[in-house]
């Protein structure tokens, strides 16, 4: 016969008291029976909890190393971070200064961009002008050479 725990012994005793409180003939003491049934339910819950603990302990003792690692492995918990900014006077002042600084920064960046674009346009125009000047100089040199050839020919032919 298996050895009974304290709770199992108490459960058997309470069940016996309930049986004795319900005689075949005569009146039943319903208040006493109800109290005993509540006590029986509590003891039954304790027994179930003890059995679960005992089973878990036995399972833990039988675990291999890999199973133990898996058992103690932490599960990642998804944390939802609240990044909302409270609407207090201090945060409103900070928000105002931040927006002013951001606006100023954006304006300066826009001005820098415009200046870079203008400088690039000016450099491109300078380069175009230089190319045109070079072309004009080449044309002048060609005309000058033609002029020299004409003069040479005039001198040589007329003489």
C-alpha atoms as a PDB file:
ATOM      1  CA  UNK A   1       0.000   0.000   0.000  1.00  0.00           C
ATOM      2  CA  UNK A   2       1.460   3.357  -1.017  1.00  0.00           C
ATOM      3  CA  UNK A   3       2.447   5.886   1.609  1.00  0.00           C
ATOM      4  CA  UNK A   4      -0.059   8.755   1.772  1.00  0.00           C
ATOM      5  CA  UNK A   5       0.956  12.361   2.215  1.00  0.00           C
ATOM      6  CA  UNK A   6      -0.505  14.609   4.906  1.00  0.00           C
ATOM      7  CA  UNK A   7      -2.914  16.197   2.463  1.00  0.00           C
ATOM      8  CA  UNK A   8      -4.118  12.830   1.176  1.00  0.00           C
ATOM      9  CA  UNK A   9      -4.705  11.652   4.732  1.00  0.00           C
ATOM     10  CA  UNK A  10      -6.612  14.855   5.493  1.00  0.00           C
ATOM     11  CA  UNK A  11      -8.682  14.387   2.312  1.00  0.00           C
ATOM     12  CA  UNK A  12      -9.621  10.863   3.345  1.00  0.00           C
ATOM     13  CA  UNK A  13     -10.560  12.111   6.814  1.00  0.00           C
ATOM     14  CA  UNK A  14     -12.704  14.931   5.403  1.00  0.00           C
ATOM     15  CA  UNK A  15     -14.426  12.517   2.991  1.00  0.00           C
ATOM     16  CA  UNK A  16     -15.204  10.240   5.963  1.00  0.00           C
ATOM     17  CA  UNK A  17     -16.633  13.183   7.924  1.00  0.00           C
ATOM     18  CA  UNK A  18     -18.845  14.070   4.939  1.00  0.00           C
ATOM     19  CA  UNK A  19     -20.099  10.477   4.711  1.00  0.00           C
ATOM     20  CA  UNK A  20     -20.848  10.462   8.433  1.00  0.00           C
ATOM     21  CA  UNK A  21     -22.634  13.838   8.164  1.00  0.00           C
ATOM     22  CA  UNK A  22     -25.002  12.304   5.596  1.00  0.00           C
ATOM     23  CA  UNK A  23     -26.791   9.552   7.494  1.00  0.00           C
ATOM     24  CA  UNK A  24     -29.157   7.265   5.606  1.00  0.00           C
ATOM     25  CA  UNK A  25     -31.915   8.124   8.053  1.00  0.00           C
ATOM     26  CA  UNK A  26     -32.293  11.388   9.860  1.00  0.00           C
ATOM     27  CA  UNK A  27     -31.452  15.007   9.119  1.00  0.00           C
ATOM     28  CA  UNK A  28     -28.399  16.259   7.312  1.00  0.00           C
ATOM     29  CA  UNK A  29     -26.462  19.179   8.717  1.00  0.00           C
ATOM     30  CA  UNK A  30     -26.147  21.150   5.450  1.00  0.00           C
ATOM     31  CA  UNK A  31     -23.958  23.944   6.866  1.00  0.00           C
ATOM     32  CA  UNK A  32     -21.450  21.432   8.198  1.00  0.00           C
ATOM     33  CA  UNK A  33     -21.518  19.425   4.948  1.00  0.00           C
ATOM     34  CA  UNK A  34     -20.966  22.579   2.900  1.00  0.00           C
ATOM     35  CA  UNK A  35     -17.962  23.601   5.018  1.00  0.00           C
ATOM     36  CA  UNK A  36     -16.505  20.095   4.745  1.00  0.00           C
ATOM     37  CA  UNK A  37     -16.963  20.109   0.942  1.00  0.00           C
ATOM     38  CA  UNK A  38     -15.154  23.476   0.678  1.00  0.00           C
ATOM     39  CA  UNK A  39     -12.329  22.072   2.770  1.00  0.00           C
ATOM     40  CA  UNK A  40     -12.254  18.954   0.554  1.00  0.00           C
ATOM     41  CA  UNK A  41     -11.984  21.145  -2.583  1.00  0.00           C
ATOM     42  CA  UNK A  42      -9.106  23.134  -1.066  1.00  0.00           C
ATOM     43  CA  UNK A  43      -7.258  19.961  -0.078  1.00  0.00           C
ATOM     44  CA  UNK A  44      -7.819  18.495  -3.578  1.00  0.00           C
ATOM     45  CA  UNK A  45      -6.299  21.615  -5.141  1.00  0.00           C
ATOM     46  CA  UNK A  46      -3.289  21.348  -2.834  1.00  0.00           C
ATOM     47  CA  UNK A  47      -2.846  17.691  -3.775  1.00  0.00           C
ATOM     48  CA  UNK A  48      -2.946  18.568  -7.493  1.00  0.00           C
ATOM     49  CA  UNK A  49      -0.365  21.330  -6.963  1.00  0.00           C
ATOM     50  CA  UNK A  50       1.866  18.929  -5.018  1.00  0.00           C
ATOM     51  CA  UNK A  51       1.553  16.322  -7.779  1.00  0.00           C
ATOM     52  CA  UNK A  52       2.504  18.912 -10.425  1.00  0.00           C
ATOM     53  CA  UNK A  53       5.514  19.981  -8.359  1.00  0.00           C
ATOM     54  CA  UNK A  54       6.550  16.370  -7.856  1.00  0.00           C
ATOM     55  CA  UNK A  55       6.177  15.621 -11.573  1.00  0.00           C
ATOM     56  CA  UNK A  56       8.180  18.734 -12.481  1.00  0.00           C
ATOM     57  CA  UNK A  57      10.896  17.718 -10.027  1.00  0.00           C
ATOM     58  CA  UNK A  58      11.058  14.198 -11.479  1.00  0.00           C
ATOM     59  CA  UNK A  59      11.135  15.560 -15.030  1.00  0.00           C
ATOM     60  CA  UNK A  60      13.905  17.965 -14.062  1.00  0.00           C
ATOM     61  CA  UNK A  61      15.977  15.174 -12.542  1.00  0.00           C
ATOM     62  CA  UNK A  62      15.549  13.075 -15.705  1.00  0.00           C
ATOM     63  CA  UNK A  63      16.527  15.935 -18.039  1.00  0.00           C
ATOM     64  CA  UNK A  64      19.539  15.704 -20.284  1.00  0.00           C
ATOM     65  CA  UNK A  65      21.926  18.637 -20.666  1.00  0.00           C
ATOM     66  CA  UNK A  66      20.300  19.826 -23.905  1.00  0.00           C
ATOM     67  CA  UNK A  67      16.821  19.649 -22.410  1.00  0.00           C
ATOM     68  CA  UNK A  68      18.006  21.608 -19.361  1.00  0.00           C
ATOM     69  CA  UNK A  69      19.452  24.334 -21.601  1.00  0.00           C
ATOM     70  CA  UNK A  70      16.188  24.513 -23.524  1.00  0.00           C
ATOM     71  CA  UNK A  71      14.193  24.582 -20.255  1.00  0.00           C
ATOM     72  CA  UNK A  72      16.165  27.479 -18.800  1.00  0.00           C
ATOM     73  CA  UNK A  73      16.414  29.398 -22.061  1.00  0.00           C
ATOM     74  CA  UNK A  74      14.903  32.835 -21.688  1.00  0.00           C
ATOM     75  CA  UNK A  75      12.060  33.708 -23.957  1.00  0.00           C
ATOM     76  CA  UNK A  76      12.342  37.044 -25.660  1.00  0.00           C
ATOM     77  CA  UNK A  77       9.725  39.425 -24.447  1.00  0.00           C
ATOM     78  CA  UNK A  78       8.563  42.005 -26.933  1.00  0.00           C
ATOM     79  CA  UNK A  79       8.657  45.304 -25.138  1.00  0.00           C
ATOM     80  CA  UNK A  80       6.635  48.110 -26.526  1.00  0.00           C
ATOM     81  CA  UNK A  81       8.370  51.344 -25.763  1.00  0.00           C
ATOM     82  CA  UNK A  82       6.258  54.421 -25.453  1.00  0.00           C
ATOM     83  CA  UNK A  83       8.032  57.259 -27.227  1.00  0.00           C
ATOM     84  CA  UNK A  84       5.282  59.789 -26.786  1.00  0.00           C
ATOM     85  CA  UNK A  85       6.241  63.163 -25.397  1.00  0.00           C
ATOM     86  CA  UNK A  86       4.105  64.446 -22.532  1.00  0.00           C
ATOM     87  CA  UNK A  87       2.388  67.757 -23.086  1.00  0.00           C
ATOM     88  CA  UNK A  88       3.817  69.789 -20.218  1.00  0.00           C
ATOM     89  CA  UNK A  89       4.927  73.437 -20.221  1.00  0.00           C
ATOM     90  CA  UNK A  90       8.576  72.384 -20.086  1.00  0.00           C
ATOM     91  CA  UNK A  91       8.261  70.077 -23.098  1.00  0.00           C
ATOM     92  CA  UNK A  92       6.315  72.742 -25.016  1.00  0.00           C
ATOM     93  CA  UNK A  93       9.168  75.215 -24.458  1.00  0.00           C
ATOM     94  CA  UNK A  94      11.715  72.610 -25.518  1.00  0.00           C
ATOM     95  CA  UNK A  95       9.657  71.744 -28.589  1.00  0.00           C
ATOM     96  CA  UNK A  96       9.469  75.428 -29.528  1.00  0.00           C
ATOM     97  CA  UNK A  97      13.247  75.928 -29.263  1.00  0.00           C
ATOM     98  CA  UNK A  98      13.891  72.701 -31.150  1.00  0.00           C
ATOM     99  CA  UNK A  99      11.563  73.737 -33.958  1.00  0.00           C
ATOM    100  CA  UNK A 100      13.178  77.186 -34.134  1.00  0.00           C
ATOM    101  CA  UNK A 101      16.661  75.669 -34.305  1.00  0.00           C
ATOM    102  CA  UNK A 102      15.521  73.136 -36.871  1.00  0.00           C
ATOM    103  CA  UNK A 103      13.933  75.859 -38.997  1.00  0.00           C
ATOM    104  CA  UNK A 104      17.110  77.949 -38.790  1.00  0.00           C
ATOM    105  CA  UNK A 105      19.230  74.949 -39.740  1.00  0.00           C
ATOM    106  CA  UNK A 106      16.979  74.118 -42.692  1.00  0.00           C
ATOM    107  CA  UNK A 107      17.120  77.731 -43.902  1.00  0.00           C
ATOM    108  CA  UNK A 108      20.926  77.783 -43.684  1.00  0.00           C
ATOM    109  CA  UNK A 109      21.131  74.462 -45.548  1.00  0.00           C
ATOM    110  CA  UNK A 110      18.814  75.830 -48.234  1.00  0.00           C
ATOM    111  CA  UNK A 111      20.955  78.985 -48.563  1.00  0.00           C
ATOM    112  CA  UNK A 112      24.125  76.870 -48.792  1.00  0.00           C
ATOM    113  CA  UNK A 113      22.528  74.753 -51.489  1.00  0.00           C
ATOM    114  CA  UNK A 114      21.463  77.833 -53.450  1.00  0.00           C
ATOM    115  CA  UNK A 115      24.950  79.296 -53.154  1.00  0.00           C
ATOM    116  CA  UNK A 116      26.525  76.047 -54.390  1.00  0.00           C
ATOM    117  CA  UNK A 117      24.120  75.983 -57.339  1.00  0.00           C
ATOM    118  CA  UNK A 118      24.921  79.617 -58.205  1.00  0.00           C
ATOM    119  CA  UNK A 119      28.667  79.025 -57.908  1.00  0.00           C
ATOM    120  CA  UNK A 120      28.343  75.992 -60.185  1.00  0.00           C
ATOM    121  CA  UNK A 121      26.385  78.060 -62.727  1.00  0.00           C
ATOM    122  CA  UNK A 122      28.977  80.844 -62.603  1.00  0.00           C
ATOM    123  CA  UNK A 123      31.839  78.364 -63.025  1.00  0.00           C
ATOM    124  CA  UNK A 124      30.043  76.765 -65.962  1.00  0.00           C
ATOM    125  CA  UNK A 125      29.485  80.189 -67.565  1.00  0.00           C
ATOM    126  CA  UNK A 126      33.157  81.069 -67.023  1.00  0.00           C
ATOM    127  CA  UNK A 127      34.165  77.813 -68.643  1.00  0.00           C
ATOM    128  CA  UNK A 128      31.831  78.503 -71.581  1.00  0.00           C
ATOM    129  CA  UNK A 129      33.211  82.055 -71.910  1.00  0.00           C
ATOM    130  CA  UNK A 130      36.764  80.726 -71.851  1.00  0.00           C
ATOM    131  CA  UNK A 131      35.903  78.229 -74.578  1.00  0.00           C
ATOM    132  CA  UNK A 132      34.339  81.024 -76.634  1.00  0.00           C
ATOM    133  CA  UNK A 133      37.386  83.240 -76.063  1.00  0.00           C
ATOM    134  CA  UNK A 134      39.625  80.416 -77.196  1.00  0.00           C
ATOM    135  CA  UNK A 135      37.498  79.984 -80.315  1.00  0.00           C
ATOM    136  CA  UNK A 136      37.579  83.721 -80.995  1.00  0.00           C
ATOM    137  CA  UNK A 137      41.367  83.743 -80.564  1.00  0.00           C
ATOM    138  CA  UNK A 138      41.679  80.800 -82.945  1.00  0.00           C
ATOM    139  CA  UNK A 139      39.501  82.590 -85.495  1.00  0.00           C
ATOM    140  CA  UNK A 140      41.585  85.746 -85.118  1.00  0.00           C
ATOM    141  CA  UNK A 141      44.773  83.735 -85.548  1.00  0.00           C
ATOM    142  CA  UNK A 142      43.322  82.106 -88.640  1.00  0.00           C
ATOM    143  CA  UNK A 143      42.280  85.498 -90.016  1.00  0.00           C
ATOM    144  CA  UNK A 144      45.688  86.909 -89.196  1.00  0.00           C
ATOM    145  CA  UNK A 145      47.356  83.999 -90.956  1.00  0.00           C
ATOM    146  CA  UNK A 146      45.076  84.520 -93.936  1.00  0.00           C
ATOM    147  CA  UNK A 147      45.942  88.195 -93.893  1.00  0.00           C
ATOM    148  CA  UNK A 148      49.637  87.421 -93.814  1.00  0.00           C
ATOM    149  CA  UNK A 149      49.226  84.971 -96.699  1.00  0.00           C
ATOM    150  CA  UNK A 150      47.330  87.605 -98.710  1.00  0.00           C
ATOM    151  CA  UNK A 151      50.015  90.184 -98.044  1.00  0.00           C
ATOM    152  CA  UNK A 152      52.728  87.711 -98.911  1.00  0.00           C
ATOM    153  CA  UNK A 153      50.952  86.829-102.099  1.00  0.00           C
ATOM    154  CA  UNK A 154      50.411  90.512-103.006  1.00  0.00           C
ATOM    155  CA  UNK A 155      54.049  91.306-102.449  1.00  0.00           C
ATOM    156  CA  UNK A 156      55.212  88.325-104.394  1.00  0.00           C
ATOM    157  CA  UNK A 157      52.724  88.582-107.241  1.00  0.00           C
ATOM    158  CA  UNK A 158      52.887  92.329-107.717  1.00  0.00           C
ATOM    159  CA  UNK A 159      56.539  92.556-107.540  1.00  0.00           C
END
